């Protein structure tokens, strides 16, 4: 599901900016944040 959304978002950003690197960095940052937050464990 994440990859499908990432593909749509990156195509929209590429069409708006004509720069593939901006979309790549934004999508990579979002996927990294989602992956890291899903593996967060809290121990007391």
PDB file of N, CA and C in Angstrom:
ATOM      1  N   UNK A   1       0.829  -1.195   0.000  1.00  0.00           N
ATOM      2  CA  UNK A   1       0.000   0.000   0.000  1.00  0.00           C
ATOM      3  C   UNK A   1       0.875   1.262   0.000  1.00  0.00           C
ATOM      4  N   UNK A   2       1.961   1.206   0.748  1.00  0.00           N
ATOM      5  CA  UNK A   2       2.835   2.377   0.824  1.00  0.00           C
ATOM      6  C   UNK A   2       3.442   2.690  -0.544  1.00  0.00           C
ATOM      7  N   UNK A   3       3.845   1.654  -1.271  1.00  0.00           N
ATOM      8  CA  UNK A   3       4.471   1.878  -2.572  1.00  0.00           C
ATOM      9  C   UNK A   3       3.491   2.447  -3.591  1.00  0.00           C
ATOM     10  N   UNK A   4       2.236   2.029  -3.523  1.00  0.00           N
ATOM     11  CA  UNK A   4       1.244   2.572  -4.457  1.00  0.00           C
ATOM     12  C   UNK A   4       1.026   4.057  -4.204  1.00  0.00           C
ATOM     13  N   UNK A   5       0.906   4.428  -2.944  1.00  0.00           N
ATOM     14  CA  UNK A   5       0.727   5.845  -2.599  1.00  0.00           C
ATOM     15  C   UNK A   5       1.985   6.631  -2.953  1.00  0.00           C
ATOM     16  N   UNK A   6       3.145   6.047  -2.716  1.00  0.00           N
ATOM     17  CA  UNK A   6       4.405   6.729  -3.034  1.00  0.00           C
ATOM     18  C   UNK A   6       4.533   6.983  -4.527  1.00  0.00           C
ATOM     19  N   UNK A   7       4.093   6.036  -5.338  1.00  0.00           N
ATOM     20  CA  UNK A   7       4.157   6.222  -6.793  1.00  0.00           C
ATOM     21  C   UNK A   7       3.248   7.357  -7.249  1.00  0.00           C
ATOM     22  N   UNK A   8       2.054   7.418  -6.706  1.00  0.00           N
ATOM     23  CA  UNK A   8       1.116   8.480  -7.096  1.00  0.00           C
ATOM     24  C   UNK A   8       1.636   9.841  -6.656  1.00  0.00           C
ATOM     25  N   UNK A   9       2.125   9.918  -5.422  1.00  0.00           N
ATOM     26  CA  UNK A   9       2.636  11.195  -4.908  1.00  0.00           C
ATOM     27  C   UNK A   9       3.860  11.652  -5.693  1.00  0.00           C
ATOM     28  N   UNK A  10       4.752  10.733  -6.008  1.00  0.00           N
ATOM     29  CA  UNK A  10       5.964  11.131  -6.728  1.00  0.00           C
ATOM     30  C   UNK A  10       5.647  11.577  -8.150  1.00  0.00           C
ATOM     31  N   UNK A  11       4.667  10.968  -8.802  1.00  0.00           N
ATOM     32  CA  UNK A  11       4.284  11.417 -10.148  1.00  0.00           C
ATOM     33  C   UNK A  11       3.663  12.810 -10.111  1.00  0.00           C
ATOM     34  N   UNK A  12       2.832  13.065  -9.109  1.00  0.00           N
ATOM     35  CA  UNK A  12       2.215  14.390  -8.988  1.00  0.00           C
ATOM     36  C   UNK A  12       3.282  15.460  -8.733  1.00  0.00           C
ATOM     37  N   UNK A  13       4.222  15.156  -7.845  1.00  0.00           N
ATOM     38  CA  UNK A  13       5.286  16.122  -7.558  1.00  0.00           C
ATOM     39  C   UNK A  13       6.196  16.318  -8.760  1.00  0.00           C
ATOM     40  N   UNK A  14       6.459  15.254  -9.511  1.00  0.00           N
ATOM     41  CA  UNK A  14       7.314  15.389 -10.691  1.00  0.00           C
ATOM     42  C   UNK A  14       6.642  16.256 -11.744  1.00  0.00           C
ATOM     43  N   UNK A  15       5.349  16.064 -11.929  1.00  0.00           N
ATOM     44  CA  UNK A  15       4.637  16.888 -12.918  1.00  0.00           C
ATOM     45  C   UNK A  15       4.584  18.349 -12.494  1.00  0.00           C
ATOM     46  N   UNK A  16       4.495  18.588 -11.193  1.00  0.00           N
ATOM     47  CA  UNK A  16       4.413  19.969 -10.707  1.00  0.00           C
ATOM     48  C   UNK A  16       5.762  20.668 -10.762  1.00  0.00           C
ATOM     49  N   UNK A  17       6.851  19.933 -10.477  1.00  0.00           N
ATOM     50  CA  UNK A  17       8.156  20.578 -10.360  1.00  0.00           C
ATOM     51  C   UNK A  17       9.120  20.260 -11.501  1.00  0.00           C
ATOM     52  N   UNK A  18       8.871  19.196 -12.258  1.00  0.00           N
ATOM     53  CA  UNK A  18       9.768  18.717 -13.320  1.00  0.00           C
ATOM     54  C   UNK A  18      11.154  18.363 -12.785  1.00  0.00           C
ATOM     55  N   UNK A  19      11.206  18.004 -11.516  1.00  0.00           N
ATOM     56  CA  UNK A  19      12.463  17.609 -10.888  1.00  0.00           C
ATOM     57  C   UNK A  19      12.227  16.290 -10.154  1.00  0.00           C
ATOM     58  N   UNK A  20      12.858  15.189 -10.609  1.00  0.00           N
ATOM     59  CA  UNK A  20      12.593  13.889  -9.974  1.00  0.00           C
ATOM     60  C   UNK A  20      13.207  13.762  -8.582  1.00  0.00           C
ATOM     61  N   UNK A  21      14.193  14.551  -8.261  1.00  0.00           N
ATOM     62  CA  UNK A  21      14.875  14.407  -6.983  1.00  0.00           C
ATOM     63  C   UNK A  21      14.039  14.907  -5.811  1.00  0.00           C
ATOM     64  N   UNK A  22      13.278  15.963  -6.014  1.00  0.00           N
ATOM     65  CA  UNK A  22      12.443  16.495  -4.931  1.00  0.00           C
ATOM     66  C   UNK A  22      11.422  15.455  -4.499  1.00  0.00           C
ATOM     67  N   UNK A  23      10.736  14.863  -5.459  1.00  0.00           N
ATOM     68  CA  UNK A  23       9.738  13.833  -5.136  1.00  0.00           C
ATOM     69  C   UNK A  23      10.391  12.634  -4.466  1.00  0.00           C
ATOM     70  N   UNK A  24      11.550  12.240  -4.940  1.00  0.00           N
ATOM     71  CA  UNK A  24      12.248  11.092  -4.351  1.00  0.00           C
ATOM     72  C   UNK A  24      12.630  11.332  -2.902  1.00  0.00           C
ATOM     73  N   UNK A  25      13.164  12.506  -2.613  1.00  0.00           N
ATOM     74  CA  UNK A  25      13.559  12.803  -1.234  1.00  0.00           C
ATOM     75  C   UNK A  25      12.354  12.900  -0.304  1.00  0.00           C
ATOM     76  N   UNK A  26      11.270  13.502  -0.771  1.00  0.00           N
ATOM     77  CA  UNK A  26      10.082  13.637   0.070  1.00  0.00           C
ATOM     78  C   UNK A  26       9.464  12.276   0.348  1.00  0.00           C
ATOM     79  N   UNK A  27       9.311  11.452  -0.680  1.00  0.00           N
ATOM     80  CA  UNK A  27       8.715  10.128  -0.496  1.00  0.00           C
ATOM     81  C   UNK A  27       9.616   9.245   0.355  1.00  0.00           C
ATOM     82  N   UNK A  28      10.923   9.317   0.145  1.00  0.00           N
ATOM     83  CA  UNK A  28      11.848   8.517   0.951  1.00  0.00           C
ATOM     84  C   UNK A  28      11.796   8.926   2.416  1.00  0.00           C
ATOM     85  N   UNK A  29      11.686  10.213   2.676  1.00  0.00           N
ATOM     86  CA  UNK A  29      11.586  10.691   4.053  1.00  0.00           C
ATOM     87  C   UNK A  29      10.301  10.205   4.708  1.00  0.00           C
ATOM     88  N   UNK A  30       9.185  10.296   4.002  1.00  0.00           N
ATOM     89  CA  UNK A  30       7.914   9.845   4.560  1.00  0.00           C
ATOM     90  C   UNK A  30       7.904   8.343   4.828  1.00  0.00           C
ATOM     91  N   UNK A  31       8.424   7.551   3.900  1.00  0.00           N
ATOM     92  CA  UNK A  31       8.463   6.102   4.086  1.00  0.00           C
ATOM     93  C   UNK A  31       9.382   5.740   5.243  1.00  0.00           C
ATOM     94  N   UNK A  32      10.502   6.431   5.387  1.00  0.00           N
ATOM     95  CA  UNK A  32      11.414   6.184   6.499  1.00  0.00           C
ATOM     96  C   UNK A  32      10.763   6.506   7.832  1.00  0.00           C
ATOM     97  N   UNK A  33      10.083   7.630   7.907  1.00  0.00           N
ATOM     98  CA  UNK A  33       9.403   8.006   9.156  1.00  0.00           C
ATOM     99  C   UNK A  33       8.318   6.997   9.497  1.00  0.00           C
ATOM    100  N   UNK A  34       7.562   6.548   8.499  1.00  0.00           N
ATOM    101  CA  UNK A  34       6.512   5.555   8.749  1.00  0.00           C
ATOM    102  C   UNK A  34       7.106   4.233   9.210  1.00  0.00           C
ATOM    103  N   UNK A  35       8.195   3.808   8.609  1.00  0.00           N
ATOM    104  CA  UNK A  35       8.815   2.546   8.999  1.00  0.00           C
ATOM    105  C   UNK A  35       9.400   2.598  10.406  1.00  0.00           C
ATOM    106  N   UNK A  36      10.033   3.708  10.730  1.00  0.00           N
ATOM    107  CA  UNK A  36      10.637   3.848  12.051  1.00  0.00           C
ATOM    108  C   UNK A  36       9.574   3.942  13.134  1.00  0.00           C
ATOM    109  N   UNK A  37       8.510   4.678  12.859  1.00  0.00           N
ATOM    110  CA  UNK A  37       7.479   4.822  13.886  1.00  0.00           C
ATOM    111  C   UNK A  37       6.688   3.534  14.094  1.00  0.00           C
ATOM    112  N   UNK A  38       6.604   2.686  13.083  1.00  0.00           N
ATOM    113  CA  UNK A  38       5.901   1.413  13.229  1.00  0.00           C
ATOM    114  C   UNK A  38       6.710   0.406  14.041  1.00  0.00           C
ATOM    115  N   UNK A  39       7.999   0.600  14.166  1.00  0.00           N
ATOM    116  CA  UNK A  39       8.837  -0.330  14.917  1.00  0.00           C
ATOM    117  C   UNK A  39       9.183   0.209  16.297  1.00  0.00           C
ATOM    118  N   UNK A  40       8.539   1.287  16.696  1.00  0.00           N
ATOM    119  CA  UNK A  40       8.810   1.890  18.005  1.00  0.00           C
ATOM    120  C   UNK A  40       8.238   1.008  19.113  1.00  0.00           C
ATOM    121  N   UNK A  41       9.076   0.698  20.077  1.00  0.00           N
ATOM    122  CA  UNK A  41       8.605  -0.056  21.245  1.00  0.00           C
ATOM    123  C   UNK A  41       8.925   0.749  22.494  1.00  0.00           C
ATOM    124  N   UNK A  42       7.979   0.772  23.398  1.00  0.00           N
ATOM    125  CA  UNK A  42       8.149   1.499  24.648  1.00  0.00           C
ATOM    126  C   UNK A  42       8.155   0.485  25.774  1.00  0.00           C
ATOM    127  N   UNK A  43       9.212   0.517  26.559  1.00  0.00           N
ATOM    128  CA  UNK A  43       9.295  -0.378  27.716  1.00  0.00           C
ATOM    129  C   UNK A  43       9.397   0.455  28.973  1.00  0.00           C
ATOM    130  N   UNK A  44       8.688   0.051  29.993  1.00  0.00           N
ATOM    131  CA  UNK A  44       8.705   0.778  31.263  1.00  0.00           C
ATOM    132  C   UNK A  44       9.371  -0.048  32.327  1.00  0.00           C
TER     133      UNK A  44
END
